[in-house]
Amino acid sequence: MAKVAPHSRDTPRDRRGRASVGTHRGEPRLELLEGRVGDYASAEAGERGQVATVGVDGPRGSAGLECEQEALEVGVGDTHGARRDSAGRRPLLRAAFALAAVVCASAAVPSVASASQLIARNTSTERLAVSADGKALLTYHGEGKLQRVLAWGATDARHPTQVAEQNEFRVDYSGGWGTYGRAVWMGFRNTCGRYRGPALPFLVTACTARDGSHWAVQRWQRSQANFGLPPWKAGHGAWELRLSHWRGAVATLEVWLDWSYGGRWHHLFGRLTYRGVPVHGYSTTSTGDPLDNYGRVLYLDTLDSAYGKGWRRENGFVARRPDGTFCYGFVPHSSPTNQRLPAGNGARYRLAVSGPGVTPDVQWGGAGLASYDPSNPRHVQLEADMNGLQRQLMSASTPCRA
């Protein structure tokens, strides 16, 4: 039985939606503190609280190829390269439900962020406008008042590299006062027309600018309690409002299903790429949280599983270096209170991830498999084919457990 344990660190409440939840590295958490201007500090690294305890590279590692997702299968017969737990000194799974500690600053201070930009939480009446010089004005109601946010200065995404930071927006929550000393939103002229880009999940609004680039606002519940547990932290279930800007193709999320441990458990694997190049970071914490703004956490939900009816969050895990691949086994767990949690395989699955750079968030969805039947030739052939595909995709890293 794999053990699920909460992380011990909490964070201050985030006034964007009155909830503190994890973010990609670099995403700001800004709030107005009695009109005072403080020193801006970006959010702590990683989308904390969403990933398995065993890291891909270890703290600030460089070249590790351990399969962090396969460590989720610890407790059912093999460690798969999982590091030993520093407290218990034994292989186990601990879901790190921690939230990143951050330093907040005045909304008058412009900030930078990576990935589709987390702008706010639990908003309404969202409107998007884009000026001729490439600045976006996002207007919405949040915390009982009208908010006006400017974002500019980034398009698309860089492929992973250690010599440059990922593309980032500059963001001004004061509507222009912090950057230009005036209310830029007043008299703001929208030049963005009908959206002509690819279909997107979670879409609130989108438009296509005169230069052919696309802007989109998406909203989804990225932060949730893992393993079908009810919300237990501030921010679980919050609706995040996210902004992106790109040209051409968005990230591609490929997913396949099979079984592991000789058919005992249901299994999911795949690859995240952007314009044909793998998406991955270069280091993680010991809990698997990205330490750079290239890393991406994928969020897995399961439908009508042993957790109950409807969609429930299963877990989160990073796309691995150097091939952007991932593996995940649906196995039993135990909660922090030693409640036995069954394997969470369901009728359907959906997997979502924030786009690299400032590109849109993407999602995959598909039906689950039946339980493995060794007497069924189709099952046997599918398992053999998928094992072969895993070895091909992961030739540069660690193949999934067969």
Protein backbone atom coordinates (compact mmCIF):
# COMPACT_ATOMS: atom_id res chain seq x y z
CA MET A 1 0.00 0.00 0.00
CA ALA A 2 1.55 3.29 -1.03
CA LYS A 3 1.53 5.98 1.65
CA VAL A 4 0.14 9.45 0.92
CA ALA A 5 1.52 12.13 3.23
CA PRO A 6 0.89 15.88 3.27
CA HIS A 7 3.75 18.35 3.15
CA SER A 8 4.23 20.44 6.26
CA ARG A 9 4.65 23.91 4.78
CA ASP A 10 1.76 26.35 4.35
CA THR A 11 1.68 29.69 2.57
CA PRO A 12 0.07 33.05 3.16
CA ARG A 13 -3.38 33.47 1.68
CA ASP A 14 -3.39 34.76 -1.86
CA ARG A 15 -5.80 37.66 -2.35
CA ARG A 16 -6.35 36.73 -5.99
CA GLY A 17 -9.40 34.64 -5.18
CA ARG A 18 -8.61 34.52 -1.42
CA ALA A 19 -6.82 31.22 -1.90
CA SER A 20 -3.20 30.18 -1.95
CA VAL A 21 -2.29 27.48 -4.43
CA GLY A 22 0.85 26.41 -6.26
CA THR A 23 2.04 27.88 -9.53
CA HIS A 24 4.63 27.37 -12.17
CA ARG A 25 7.93 28.93 -11.22
CA GLY A 26 7.91 32.66 -11.86
CA GLU A 27 4.16 33.18 -11.68
CA PRO A 28 3.62 36.21 -9.43
CA ARG A 29 1.30 36.50 -6.49
CA LEU A 30 0.71 40.23 -6.14
CA GLU A 31 -1.60 42.04 -3.77
CA LEU A 32 -2.17 45.61 -2.67
CA LEU A 33 -0.93 46.01 0.89
CA GLU A 34 -2.46 49.25 2.15
CA GLY A 35 -1.09 51.09 -0.87
CA ARG A 36 2.54 50.31 -0.01
CA VAL A 37 5.04 49.29 -2.68
CA GLY A 38 7.17 46.35 -1.64
CA ASP A 39 9.98 44.43 -3.25
CA TYR A 40 8.63 41.94 -5.76
CA ALA A 41 9.67 38.34 -5.35
CA SER A 42 8.49 35.63 -7.71
CA ALA A 43 6.63 32.60 -6.46
CA GLU A 44 8.56 29.65 -5.15
CA ALA A 45 9.45 27.05 -7.75
CA GLY A 46 7.00 24.47 -8.93
CA GLU A 47 3.34 23.65 -8.80
CA ARG A 48 3.61 22.36 -5.28
CA GLY A 49 1.17 19.93 -3.82
CA GLN A 50 0.43 18.27 -7.13
CA VAL A 51 3.27 15.80 -7.66
CA ALA A 52 4.69 12.63 -6.24
CA THR A 53 7.38 12.85 -3.59
CA VAL A 54 10.11 11.18 -5.64
CA GLY A 55 11.86 13.71 -7.90
CA VAL A 56 13.03 13.31 -11.45
CA ASP A 57 16.42 14.89 -10.92
CA GLY A 58 16.48 15.51 -7.19
CA PRO A 59 17.03 18.94 -5.69
CA ARG A 60 18.58 21.05 -8.41
CA GLY A 61 19.76 17.93 -10.18
CA SER A 62 21.03 18.04 -13.70
CA ALA A 63 20.86 14.82 -15.59
CA GLY A 64 18.83 12.30 -13.63
CA LEU A 65 16.57 10.02 -15.67
CA GLU A 66 14.58 8.37 -12.92
CA CYS A 67 10.91 7.86 -13.68
CA GLU A 68 9.22 9.96 -11.02
CA GLN A 69 5.78 8.76 -12.05
CA GLU A 70 6.76 5.11 -11.75
CA ALA A 71 7.68 5.78 -8.14
CA LEU A 72 3.94 6.05 -7.61
CA GLU A 73 3.89 2.29 -7.99
CA VAL A 74 6.08 1.83 -4.92
CA GLY A 75 4.49 -0.54 -2.45
CA VAL A 76 3.29 -3.04 -5.00
CA GLY A 77 6.48 -4.92 -5.54
CA ASP A 78 9.21 -2.66 -6.92
CA THR A 79 10.79 0.74 -6.33
CA HIS A 80 11.62 1.54 -9.95
CA GLY A 81 14.54 3.72 -9.07
CA ALA A 82 12.68 5.64 -6.39
CA ARG A 83 14.87 7.34 -3.83
CA ARG A 84 14.51 6.18 -0.27
CA ASP A 85 12.41 8.41 1.94
CA SER A 86 14.61 10.64 4.09
CA ALA A 87 12.44 10.09 7.16
CA GLY A 88 11.53 6.44 6.97
CA ARG A 89 14.54 5.36 4.88
CA ARG A 90 12.33 3.04 2.89
CA PRO A 91 10.74 3.21 -0.57
CA LEU A 92 7.28 4.69 -0.46
CA LEU A 93 4.96 7.13 -2.19
CA ARG A 94 4.14 10.40 -0.48
CA ALA A 95 1.91 12.88 -2.29
CA ALA A 96 3.33 16.32 -1.56
CA PHE A 97 0.27 18.50 -1.03
CA ALA A 98 2.43 21.51 -0.14
CA LEU A 99 1.77 25.06 -1.22
CA ALA A 100 4.55 27.44 -2.27
CA ALA A 101 5.58 30.17 0.18
CA VAL A 102 5.68 33.53 -1.49
CA VAL A 103 6.36 37.21 -0.85
CA CYS A 104 3.56 39.57 -1.94
CA ALA A 105 4.04 43.06 -3.28
CA SER A 106 1.95 46.01 -4.43
CA ALA A 107 -0.29 45.65 -7.46
CA ALA A 108 1.33 48.82 -8.77
CA VAL A 109 4.55 46.91 -9.41
CA PRO A 110 4.80 45.18 -12.81
CA SER A 111 5.84 41.55 -12.72
CA VAL A 112 6.94 38.70 -14.97
CA ALA A 113 5.65 35.16 -15.24
CA SER A 114 6.06 32.01 -17.29
CA ALA A 115 3.56 29.65 -18.90
CA SER A 116 0.03 30.70 -19.72
CA GLN A 117 -0.08 33.48 -17.15
CA LEU A 118 -2.05 32.92 -13.97
CA ILE A 119 -3.85 36.25 -13.67
CA ALA A 120 -6.47 35.71 -10.96
CA ARG A 121 -8.80 33.21 -9.31
CA ASN A 122 -12.57 32.93 -9.07
CA THR A 123 -13.40 35.78 -11.44
CA SER A 124 -16.38 36.79 -13.56
CA THR A 125 -17.34 39.11 -16.46
CA GLU A 126 -13.96 38.69 -18.16
CA ARG A 127 -13.16 40.84 -21.21
CA LEU A 128 -10.03 40.85 -23.38
CA ALA A 129 -8.75 43.68 -25.54
CA VAL A 130 -5.44 44.01 -27.40
CA SER A 131 -3.90 47.26 -28.65
CA ALA A 132 -2.11 47.81 -31.95
CA ASP A 133 1.27 47.79 -30.18
CA GLY A 134 0.68 44.33 -28.66
CA LYS A 135 -0.52 45.04 -25.13
CA ALA A 136 -3.40 43.02 -23.69
CA LEU A 137 -5.94 44.51 -21.29
CA LEU A 138 -7.80 41.89 -19.27
CA THR A 139 -10.79 43.26 -17.36
CA TYR A 140 -12.76 41.20 -14.84
CA HIS A 141 -14.52 41.26 -11.51
CA GLY A 142 -12.66 39.69 -8.62
CA GLU A 143 -12.90 40.10 -4.85
CA GLY A 144 -15.97 42.24 -5.30
CA LYS A 145 -14.47 44.89 -7.54
CA LEU A 146 -13.51 45.60 -11.13
CA GLN A 147 -9.90 44.73 -11.99
CA ARG A 148 -7.85 45.93 -14.97
CA VAL A 149 -4.62 44.09 -15.79
CA LEU A 150 -2.09 44.84 -18.55
CA ALA A 151 0.13 42.10 -20.02
CA TRP A 152 2.72 42.35 -22.81
CA GLY A 153 6.21 41.49 -23.96
CA ALA A 154 6.07 37.76 -24.81
CA THR A 155 4.89 35.40 -27.55
CA ASP A 156 5.18 31.63 -27.96
CA ALA A 157 7.77 29.54 -26.06
CA ARG A 158 11.44 28.72 -26.20
CA HIS A 159 12.49 25.12 -26.51
CA PRO A 160 14.24 23.89 -23.34
CA THR A 161 17.67 25.45 -22.86
CA GLN A 162 19.93 26.26 -19.93
CA VAL A 163 21.31 29.47 -21.45
CA ALA A 164 18.11 31.55 -21.49
CA GLU A 165 14.95 31.93 -19.43
CA GLN A 166 11.59 30.82 -20.79
CA ASN A 167 9.45 33.51 -22.45
CA GLU A 168 7.55 35.59 -19.88
CA PHE A 169 4.86 38.26 -19.79
CA ARG A 170 5.31 41.57 -18.09
CA VAL A 171 2.16 42.11 -16.05
CA ASP A 172 0.86 45.31 -14.47
CA TYR A 173 -2.07 44.82 -12.09
CA SER A 174 -2.57 48.57 -11.73
CA GLY A 175 -3.79 49.04 -15.29
CA GLY A 176 -0.69 51.04 -16.24
CA TRP A 177 0.06 53.20 -13.22
CA GLY A 178 2.99 51.09 -12.05
CA THR A 179 4.71 51.08 -15.43
CA TYR A 180 3.68 54.28 -17.17
CA GLY A 181 2.48 56.47 -14.33
CA ARG A 182 -0.98 56.74 -15.84
CA ALA A 183 -4.17 54.77 -16.37
CA VAL A 184 -3.37 53.10 -19.69
CA TRP A 185 -6.73 51.33 -19.64
CA MET A 186 -8.53 54.65 -20.13
CA GLY A 187 -9.02 55.15 -23.84
CA PHE A 188 -7.58 51.68 -24.58
CA ARG A 189 -8.44 50.80 -28.19
CA ASN A 190 -9.04 47.16 -29.07
CA THR A 191 -7.64 46.07 -32.45
CA CYS A 192 -7.99 42.30 -31.90
CA GLY A 193 -10.51 40.60 -34.20
CA ARG A 194 -12.36 37.31 -34.48
CA TYR A 195 -10.38 34.34 -33.18
CA ARG A 196 -8.93 32.19 -35.98
CA GLY A 197 -6.65 29.89 -33.99
CA PRO A 198 -6.91 26.20 -32.99
CA ALA A 199 -9.64 24.85 -30.73
CA LEU A 200 -8.70 25.20 -27.06
CA PRO A 201 -9.97 23.64 -23.82
CA PHE A 202 -11.16 25.77 -20.90
CA LEU A 203 -11.70 28.73 -23.22
CA VAL A 204 -13.28 31.92 -21.84
CA THR A 205 -12.47 34.28 -24.71
CA ALA A 206 -9.89 34.63 -27.48
CA CYS A 207 -9.03 36.88 -30.41
CA THR A 208 -6.59 37.15 -33.31
CA ALA A 209 -4.49 40.31 -33.60
CA ARG A 210 -3.65 42.22 -36.77
CA ASP A 211 -0.18 40.65 -36.86
CA GLY A 212 -1.75 37.16 -36.98
CA SER A 213 -0.89 36.20 -33.40
CA HIS A 214 -3.54 34.85 -31.05
CA TRP A 215 -4.50 35.81 -27.50
CA ALA A 216 -6.60 33.54 -25.26
CA VAL A 217 -8.05 33.54 -21.76
CA GLN A 218 -8.63 30.11 -20.21
CA ARG A 219 -10.06 29.03 -16.87
CA TRP A 220 -9.78 25.69 -15.09
CA GLN A 221 -9.39 24.08 -11.67
CA ARG A 222 -5.71 23.24 -11.73
CA SER A 223 -5.21 22.85 -7.97
CA GLN A 224 -7.22 20.04 -6.40
CA ALA A 225 -6.76 17.47 -3.66
CA ASN A 226 -5.14 14.33 -5.04
CA PHE A 227 -6.43 10.76 -4.94
CA GLY A 228 -10.11 11.73 -4.90
CA LEU A 229 -9.86 13.28 -1.43
CA PRO A 230 -12.12 16.24 -0.59
CA PRO A 231 -10.56 19.72 -0.59
CA TRP A 232 -8.40 20.21 2.46
CA LYS A 233 -6.29 23.27 1.63
CA ALA A 234 -7.25 26.83 0.83
CA GLY A 235 -7.23 27.08 -2.95
CA HIS A 236 -8.29 23.53 -3.74
CA GLY A 237 -10.89 23.81 -6.48
CA ALA A 238 -10.23 27.48 -7.27
CA TRP A 239 -10.93 28.52 -10.86
CA GLU A 240 -7.72 29.98 -12.27
CA LEU A 241 -7.87 32.64 -14.98
CA ARG A 242 -4.90 32.28 -17.37
CA LEU A 243 -3.67 34.36 -20.33
CA SER A 244 -1.62 33.25 -23.36
CA HIS A 245 -0.18 34.73 -26.58
CA TRP A 246 1.18 32.71 -29.51
CA ARG A 247 1.43 32.11 -33.23
CA GLY A 248 0.88 28.81 -35.02
CA ALA A 249 0.88 25.47 -33.23
CA VAL A 250 0.32 24.88 -29.52
CA ALA A 251 1.77 22.10 -27.37
CA THR A 252 0.92 18.49 -28.25
CA LEU A 253 -0.11 16.06 -25.52
CA GLU A 254 0.02 12.39 -26.59
CA VAL A 255 -1.39 9.72 -24.26
CA TRP A 256 -1.70 5.95 -24.43
CA LEU A 257 -3.20 3.37 -22.05
CA ASP A 258 -2.15 -0.15 -21.12
CA TRP A 259 -1.54 -2.19 -17.95
CA SER A 260 1.43 -2.70 -15.64
CA TYR A 261 2.77 -5.43 -13.35
CA GLY A 262 1.66 -8.15 -15.73
CA GLY A 263 -1.82 -6.68 -16.05
CA ARG A 264 -2.44 -6.15 -12.33
CA TRP A 265 -2.83 -2.36 -12.52
CA HIS A 266 -4.11 0.09 -15.09
CA HIS A 267 -1.41 2.31 -16.56
CA LEU A 268 -1.10 5.56 -18.54
CA PHE A 269 1.90 6.96 -20.39
CA GLY A 270 2.68 9.59 -22.99
CA ARG A 271 4.71 12.54 -24.20
CA LEU A 272 4.48 16.34 -24.14
CA THR A 273 6.01 18.22 -27.08
CA TYR A 274 5.99 21.71 -28.56
CA ARG A 275 6.52 22.05 -32.30
CA GLY A 276 8.07 18.60 -32.37
CA VAL A 277 10.50 19.18 -29.49
CA PRO A 278 10.07 17.58 -26.02
CA VAL A 279 8.88 19.85 -23.20
CA HIS A 280 10.80 19.37 -19.96
CA GLY A 281 12.61 21.16 -17.17
CA TYR A 282 16.14 20.73 -15.89
CA SER A 283 15.68 20.21 -12.17
CA THR A 284 13.06 19.48 -9.54
CA THR A 285 12.74 19.50 -5.79
CA SER A 286 12.91 16.23 -3.91
CA THR A 287 9.11 16.12 -4.24
CA GLY A 288 9.21 16.43 -8.03
CA ASP A 289 8.25 20.11 -8.26
CA PRO A 290 9.91 22.01 -11.16
CA LEU A 291 12.70 24.37 -10.11
CA ASP A 292 12.89 26.20 -13.42
CA ASN A 293 10.33 27.81 -15.71
CA TYR A 294 10.68 25.12 -18.35
CA GLY A 295 9.29 22.29 -16.21
CA ARG A 296 5.63 21.36 -16.53
CA VAL A 297 3.29 19.43 -14.25
CA LEU A 298 0.53 17.38 -15.86
CA TYR A 299 -2.74 16.98 -13.93
CA LEU A 300 -4.65 13.71 -14.20
CA ASP A 301 -8.39 13.36 -13.46
CA THR A 302 -10.43 10.15 -13.40
CA LEU A 303 -14.17 9.70 -14.04
CA ASP A 304 -16.52 7.36 -12.13
CA SER A 305 -13.71 5.56 -10.34
CA ALA A 306 -13.57 3.83 -6.97
CA TYR A 307 -13.32 7.34 -5.50
CA GLY A 308 -16.96 7.97 -6.45
CA LYS A 309 -19.12 9.33 -9.25
CA GLY A 310 -17.97 12.23 -11.39
CA TRP A 311 -14.53 13.62 -12.08
CA ARG A 312 -11.91 13.39 -9.32
CA ARG A 313 -8.26 14.47 -9.27
CA GLU A 314 -5.94 11.47 -9.34
CA ASN A 315 -2.49 13.05 -9.22
CA GLY A 316 0.05 15.29 -10.94
CA PHE A 317 3.49 14.55 -12.37
CA VAL A 318 6.19 16.23 -14.43
CA ALA A 319 7.15 15.68 -18.06
CA ARG A 320 10.60 14.09 -17.90
CA ARG A 321 13.95 15.15 -19.24
CA PRO A 322 15.11 14.73 -21.99
CA ASP A 323 12.16 13.29 -23.95
CA GLY A 324 9.08 14.93 -22.39
CA THR A 325 7.63 11.55 -21.46
CA PHE A 326 5.65 10.43 -18.42
CA CYS A 327 4.28 7.22 -16.86
CA TYR A 328 1.57 6.73 -14.28
CA GLY A 329 0.22 3.58 -12.61
CA PHE A 330 -3.20 3.50 -10.93
CA VAL A 331 -2.42 1.72 -7.67
CA PRO A 332 -3.87 1.72 -4.12
CA HIS A 333 -2.77 4.35 -1.60
CA SER A 334 -3.34 5.28 2.02
CA SER A 335 -4.26 8.77 3.21
CA PRO A 336 -2.45 10.81 5.87
CA THR A 337 -4.99 9.43 8.35
CA ASN A 338 -4.25 5.87 7.17
CA GLN A 339 -7.51 5.61 5.29
CA ARG A 340 -7.16 2.95 2.60
CA LEU A 341 -7.66 4.46 -0.85
CA PRO A 342 -8.33 2.11 -3.77
CA ALA A 343 -6.73 2.33 -7.19
CA GLY A 344 -8.28 5.28 -9.03
CA ASN A 345 -8.66 3.90 -12.55
CA GLY A 346 -11.95 5.03 -14.05
CA ALA A 347 -14.28 4.97 -17.03
CA ARG A 348 -12.53 7.94 -18.61
CA TYR A 349 -9.46 10.11 -18.04
CA ARG A 350 -8.42 13.66 -18.78
CA LEU A 351 -4.93 15.07 -18.58
CA ALA A 352 -4.23 18.82 -18.61
CA VAL A 353 -1.05 20.91 -18.56
CA SER A 354 -0.08 24.57 -18.76
CA GLY A 355 1.48 25.38 -22.10
CA PRO A 356 5.22 26.09 -22.33
CA GLY A 357 6.26 29.74 -22.40
CA VAL A 358 3.14 31.85 -22.84
CA THR A 359 1.30 29.35 -25.04
CA PRO A 360 -2.20 28.03 -24.17
CA ASP A 361 -3.00 25.22 -21.76
CA VAL A 362 -3.85 21.91 -23.47
CA GLN A 363 -5.83 18.85 -22.50
CA TRP A 364 -6.22 15.21 -23.56
CA GLY A 365 -9.24 13.01 -22.85
CA GLY A 366 -9.98 9.34 -23.48
CA ALA A 367 -11.83 6.23 -22.34
CA GLY A 368 -10.31 3.84 -19.82
CA LEU A 369 -9.51 0.21 -20.50
CA ALA A 370 -11.22 -2.91 -19.21
CA SER A 371 -9.36 -4.99 -16.65
CA TYR A 372 -6.60 -7.05 -18.20
CA ASP A 373 -7.58 -10.53 -19.35
CA PRO A 374 -4.57 -12.73 -20.19
CA SER A 375 -6.85 -15.08 -22.11
CA ASN A 376 -7.96 -12.26 -24.41
CA PRO A 377 -5.65 -12.12 -27.47
CA ARG A 378 -6.51 -8.45 -28.05
CA HIS A 379 -5.41 -7.53 -24.54
CA VAL A 380 -2.19 -9.50 -24.90
CA GLN A 381 -1.41 -7.87 -28.24
CA LEU A 382 -2.26 -4.37 -27.00
CA GLU A 383 0.02 -4.78 -23.98
CA ALA A 384 2.88 -6.01 -26.18
CA ASP A 385 2.39 -3.13 -28.62
CA MET A 386 2.26 -0.53 -25.86
CA ASN A 387 5.35 -1.92 -24.15
CA GLY A 388 7.18 -1.65 -27.46
CA LEU A 389 5.98 1.93 -27.94
CA GLN A 390 7.11 2.86 -24.43
CA ARG A 391 10.60 1.52 -25.11
CA GLN A 392 10.71 3.53 -28.33
CA LEU A 393 9.50 6.79 -26.80
CA MET A 394 11.69 6.46 -23.72
CA SER A 395 14.87 5.17 -25.28
CA ALA A 396 16.76 8.14 -23.79
CA SER A 397 15.24 7.83 -20.33
CA THR A 398 13.61 5.13 -18.18
CA PRO A 399 10.86 2.97 -19.73
CA CYS A 400 7.65 2.44 -17.83
CA ARG A 401 7.03 -0.63 -15.74
CA ALA A 402 5.70 -3.43 -17.95
